[in-house]
C-alpha atoms as a PDB file:
ATOM      1  CA  MET A   1      20.644   2.466  -1.825  1.00  0.00           C
ATOM      2  CA  LYS A   2      20.593   0.119  -4.764  1.00  0.00           C
ATOM      3  CA  LYS A   3      18.780   1.217  -7.897  1.00  0.00           C
ATOM      4  CA  HIS A   4      16.505  -1.820  -7.718  1.00  0.00           C
ATOM      5  CA  ASP A   5      15.389  -0.915  -4.177  1.00  0.00           C
ATOM      6  CA  ALA A   6      13.835   2.286  -5.485  1.00  0.00           C
ATOM      7  CA  TRP A   7      12.025   0.448  -8.287  1.00  0.00           C
ATOM      8  CA  GLY A   8      10.683  -2.236  -5.953  1.00  0.00           C
ATOM      9  CA  ASN A   9       9.480   0.400  -3.514  1.00  0.00           C
ATOM     10  CA  LEU A  10       7.859   2.360  -6.352  1.00  0.00           C
ATOM     11  CA  PHE A  11       5.957  -0.700  -7.602  1.00  0.00           C
ATOM     12  CA  LEU A  12       4.798  -1.567  -4.074  1.00  0.00           C
ATOM     13  CA  ARG A  13       3.677   2.003  -3.406  1.00  0.00           C
ATOM     14  CA  VAL A  14       1.878   2.501  -6.701  1.00  0.00           C
ATOM     15  CA  LEU A  15       0.116  -0.877  -6.766  1.00  0.00           C
ATOM     16  CA  LEU A  16      -1.068  -0.561  -3.157  1.00  0.00           C
ATOM     17  CA  GLY A  17      -2.111   3.006  -3.941  1.00  0.00           C
ATOM     18  CA  ILE A  18      -4.182   1.856  -6.908  1.00  0.00           C
ATOM     19  CA  ILE A  19      -5.949  -0.738  -4.735  1.00  0.00           C
ATOM     20  CA  PHE A  20      -6.791   1.810  -2.030  1.00  0.00           C
ATOM     21  CA  ALA A  21      -7.826   4.492  -4.546  1.00  0.00           C
ATOM     22  CA  ALA A  22     -10.033   2.022  -6.430  1.00  0.00           C
ATOM     23  CA  THR A  23     -11.827   0.811  -3.303  1.00  0.00           C
ATOM     24  CA  GLY A  24     -12.295   4.382  -2.076  1.00  0.00           C
ATOM     25  CA  THR A  25     -13.602   5.483  -5.472  1.00  0.00           C
ATOM     26  CA  GLY A  26     -15.962   2.510  -5.540  1.00  0.00           C
ATOM     27  CA  LYS A  27     -17.414   3.463  -2.172  1.00  0.00           C
ATOM     28  CA  LEU A  28     -17.764   7.147  -3.039  1.00  0.00           C
ATOM     29  CA  PHE A  29     -18.846   7.184  -6.678  1.00  0.00           C
ATOM     30  CA  MET A  30     -19.893   3.707  -7.846  1.00  0.00           C
ATOM     31  CA  GLY A  31     -22.398   2.616  -5.237  1.00  0.00           C
ATOM     32  CA  ASN A  32     -20.145  -0.007  -3.650  1.00  0.00           C
ATOM     33  CA  MET A  33     -20.849   1.206  -0.128  1.00  0.00           C
ATOM     34  CA  PRO A  34     -20.997  -1.810   2.235  1.00  0.00           C
ATOM     35  CA  VAL A  35     -23.521  -0.147   4.571  1.00  0.00           C
ATOM     36  CA  GLU A  36     -24.974  -3.376   5.958  1.00  0.00           C
ATOM     37  CA  PRO A  37     -21.628  -4.945   6.984  1.00  0.00           C
ATOM     38  CA  ILE A  38     -20.414  -1.616   8.381  1.00  0.00           C
ATOM     39  CA  GLY A  39     -23.633  -1.312  10.376  1.00  0.00           C
ATOM     40  CA  GLY A  40     -23.142  -4.848  11.708  1.00  0.00           C
ATOM     41  CA  ILE A  41     -19.606  -4.089  12.857  1.00  0.00           C
ATOM     42  CA  LEU A  42     -20.593  -0.795  14.496  1.00  0.00           C
ATOM     43  CA  SER A  43     -23.584  -2.443  16.169  1.00  0.00           C
ATOM     44  CA  SER A  44     -21.537  -5.343  17.528  1.00  0.00           C
ATOM     45  CA  LEU A  45     -19.077  -2.838  18.999  1.00  0.00           C
ATOM     46  CA  GLY A  46     -21.931  -0.951  20.670  1.00  0.00           C
ATOM     47  CA  LEU A  47     -21.473   2.097  18.443  1.00  0.00           C
ATOM     48  CA  ASN A  48     -25.091   2.416  17.341  1.00  0.00           C
ATOM     49  CA  ALA A  49     -24.920   6.225  17.461  1.00  0.00           C
ATOM     50  CA  ILE A  50     -22.548   6.272  14.480  1.00  0.00           C
ATOM     51  CA  SER A  51     -24.278   6.241  11.097  1.00  0.00           C
ATOM     52  CA  ALA A  52     -23.158   3.313   8.942  1.00  0.00           C
ATOM     53  CA  ALA A  53     -23.573   5.401   5.782  1.00  0.00           C
ATOM     54  CA  GLY A  54     -21.596   8.276   7.318  1.00  0.00           C
ATOM     55  CA  PHE A  55     -18.836   5.949   8.443  1.00  0.00           C
ATOM     56  CA  GLY A  56     -18.790   4.348   4.996  1.00  0.00           C
ATOM     57  CA  LEU A  57     -18.400   7.799   3.438  1.00  0.00           C
ATOM     58  CA  PHE A  58     -15.509   8.549   5.812  1.00  0.00           C
ATOM     59  CA  LEU A  59     -13.925   5.205   4.926  1.00  0.00           C
ATOM     60  CA  GLY A  60     -14.249   5.906   1.195  1.00  0.00           C
ATOM     61  CA  ILE A  61     -12.576   9.310   1.551  1.00  0.00           C
ATOM     62  CA  LEU A  62      -9.837   7.818   3.741  1.00  0.00           C
ATOM     63  CA  GLU A  63      -9.123   5.001   1.265  1.00  0.00           C
ATOM     64  CA  LEU A  64      -9.037   7.413  -1.678  1.00  0.00           C
ATOM     65  CA  MET A  65      -6.623   9.757   0.149  1.00  0.00           C
ATOM     66  CA  ILE A  66      -4.389   6.850   1.212  1.00  0.00           C
ATOM     67  CA  GLY A  67      -4.306   5.633  -2.385  1.00  0.00           C
ATOM     68  CA  LEU A  68      -3.443   8.989  -3.913  1.00  0.00           C
ATOM     69  CA  MET A  69      -0.763   9.730  -1.323  1.00  0.00           C
ATOM     70  CA  LEU A  70       0.847   6.314  -1.812  1.00  0.00           C
ATOM     71  CA  ILE A  71       0.879   6.740  -5.590  1.00  0.00           C
ATOM     72  CA  LEU A  72       2.519  10.153  -5.240  1.00  0.00           C
ATOM     73  CA  GLY A  73       4.852   9.005  -2.476  1.00  0.00           C
ATOM     74  CA  LEU A  74       3.773  11.797  -0.126  1.00  0.00           C
ATOM     75  CA  PHE A  75       4.231  11.244   3.631  1.00  0.00           C
ATOM     76  CA  THR A  76       4.758   7.571   2.820  1.00  0.00           C
ATOM     77  CA  LYS A  77       5.688   6.357   6.316  1.00  0.00           C
ATOM     78  CA  ILE A  78       2.721   8.083   7.961  1.00  0.00           C
ATOM     79  CA  VAL A  79       0.327   6.951   5.233  1.00  0.00           C
ATOM     80  CA  GLY A  80       1.739   3.423   5.516  1.00  0.00           C
ATOM     81  CA  TRP A  81       0.848   3.370   9.212  1.00  0.00           C
ATOM     82  CA  VAL A  82      -2.640   4.801   8.583  1.00  0.00           C
ATOM     83  CA  ALA A  83      -3.223   2.205   5.848  1.00  0.00           C
ATOM     84  CA  SER A  84      -1.946  -0.586   8.125  1.00  0.00           C
ATOM     85  CA  ILE A  85      -4.256   0.447  10.958  1.00  0.00           C
ATOM     86  CA  THR A  86      -7.174   0.711   8.517  1.00  0.00           C
ATOM     87  CA  LEU A  87      -6.498  -2.783   7.168  1.00  0.00           C
ATOM     88  CA  LEU A  88      -6.046  -4.223  10.656  1.00  0.00           C
ATOM     89  CA  CYS A  89      -9.408  -2.765  11.706  1.00  0.00           C
ATOM     90  CA  PHE A  90     -10.998  -4.207   8.584  1.00  0.00           C
ATOM     91  CA  ILE A  91      -9.448  -7.636   9.141  1.00  0.00           C
ATOM     92  CA  LEU A  92     -10.557  -7.696  12.768  1.00  0.00           C
ATOM     93  CA  GLY A  93     -13.942  -6.098  12.116  1.00  0.00           C
ATOM     94  CA  VAL A  94     -15.001  -8.152   9.149  1.00  0.00           C
ATOM     95  CA  GLY A  95     -13.001 -11.316   9.693  1.00  0.00           C
ATOM     96  CA  VAL A  96     -13.383 -11.692  13.443  1.00  0.00           C
ATOM     97  CA  ILE A  97     -16.481  -9.750  14.519  1.00  0.00           C
ATOM     98  CA  LEU A  98     -18.701 -10.647  11.562  1.00  0.00           C
ATOM     99  CA  GLY A  99     -17.351 -14.155  11.283  1.00  0.00           C
ATOM    100  CA  ASP A 100     -15.924 -15.207   7.976  1.00  0.00           C
ATOM    101  CA  GLY A 101     -15.388 -11.923   6.178  1.00  0.00           C
ATOM    102  CA  LEU A 102     -17.442 -10.381   3.421  1.00  0.00           C
ATOM    103  CA  PHE A 103     -16.404 -12.911   0.788  1.00  0.00           C
ATOM    104  CA  GLY A 104     -15.094 -15.725   2.933  1.00  0.00           C
ATOM    105  CA  GLN A 105     -11.729 -16.569   4.334  1.00  0.00           C
ATOM    106  CA  MET A 106      -9.863 -15.810   1.109  1.00  0.00           C
ATOM    107  CA  MET A 107     -10.748 -12.107   1.450  1.00  0.00           C
ATOM    108  CA  MET A 108      -9.077 -12.035   4.847  1.00  0.00           C
ATOM    109  CA  PHE A 109      -5.908 -13.637   3.444  1.00  0.00           C
ATOM    110  CA  LYS A 110      -5.792 -10.993   0.702  1.00  0.00           C
ATOM    111  CA  ASP A 111      -6.084  -8.281   3.331  1.00  0.00           C
ATOM    112  CA  LEU A 112      -3.239  -9.847   5.322  1.00  0.00           C
ATOM    113  CA  GLY A 113      -1.072  -9.602   2.202  1.00  0.00           C
ATOM    114  CA  LEU A 114      -2.029  -5.957   1.770  1.00  0.00           C
ATOM    115  CA  LEU A 115      -1.230  -5.389   5.446  1.00  0.00           C
ATOM    116  CA  GLY A 116       2.260  -6.796   4.873  1.00  0.00           C
ATOM    117  CA  GLY A 117       2.809  -4.330   2.040  1.00  0.00           C
ATOM    118  CA  THR A 118       1.549  -1.328   3.980  1.00  0.00           C
ATOM    119  CA  LEU A 119       3.670  -2.274   6.996  1.00  0.00           C
ATOM    120  CA  ALA A 120       6.734  -2.484   4.739  1.00  0.00           C
ATOM    121  CA  LEU A 121       6.032   1.058   3.538  1.00  0.00           C
ATOM    122  CA  ALA A 122       5.379   2.230   7.100  1.00  0.00           C
ATOM    123  CA  PHE A 123       8.839   1.075   8.151  1.00  0.00           C
ATOM    124  CA  GLN A 124      10.737   1.904   4.931  1.00  0.00           C
ATOM    125  CA  GLY A 125       9.029   5.002   3.650  1.00  0.00           C
ATOM    126  CA  SER A 126       9.654   5.831   0.021  1.00  0.00           C
ATOM    127  CA  LYS A 127      13.011   4.867  -1.425  1.00  0.00           C
ATOM    128  CA  GLY A 128      13.009   7.282  -4.330  1.00  0.00           C
ATOM    129  CA  MET A 129      10.872   8.459  -7.210  1.00  0.00           C
ATOM    130  CA  SER A 130       8.443  10.130  -4.812  1.00  0.00           C
ATOM    131  CA  LEU A 131       7.296  13.529  -3.634  1.00  0.00           C
ATOM    132  CA  ASP A 132       8.905  12.725  -0.287  1.00  0.00           C
ATOM    133  CA  GLU A 133      12.268  12.643  -2.049  1.00  0.00           C
ATOM    134  CA  VAL A 134      11.608  15.890  -3.931  1.00  0.00           C
ATOM    135  CA  LEU A 135      10.256  17.820  -0.941  1.00  0.00           C
ATOM    136  CA  TRP A 136      12.704  16.614   1.687  1.00  0.00           C
ATOM    137  CA  LYS A 137      15.743  15.818  -0.496  1.00  0.00           C
ATOM    138  CA  LYS A 138      16.424  12.380   0.962  1.00  0.00           C
END
């Protein structure tokens, strides 16, 4: 492994982790819970029994955990897949089911870029400077 591979992987992991942690924190502690759009997605899928606020709370916790685990480099491949599936559901749910996304088409393109990053981590895992490396001595 080249030294620069580890640095590139670290930057990708940490920056994606910050994005996920920030959005999760916003949902949980700053009142940025998108209850109405979540309710619209759940309703259009016929899942009216699921509370939009409850699902939003779950989503906030999930995003915060994904973010922290990416920053630390813990279970990076698994977390990369969970993050990719979460983003894919968001892209399909908001971009396709609700129409044009929460903030228009540009939001969907941003999410596609994030999906590319999380898929890279899902396939690569962490390349160094991570808890994965410390715990499992890669």
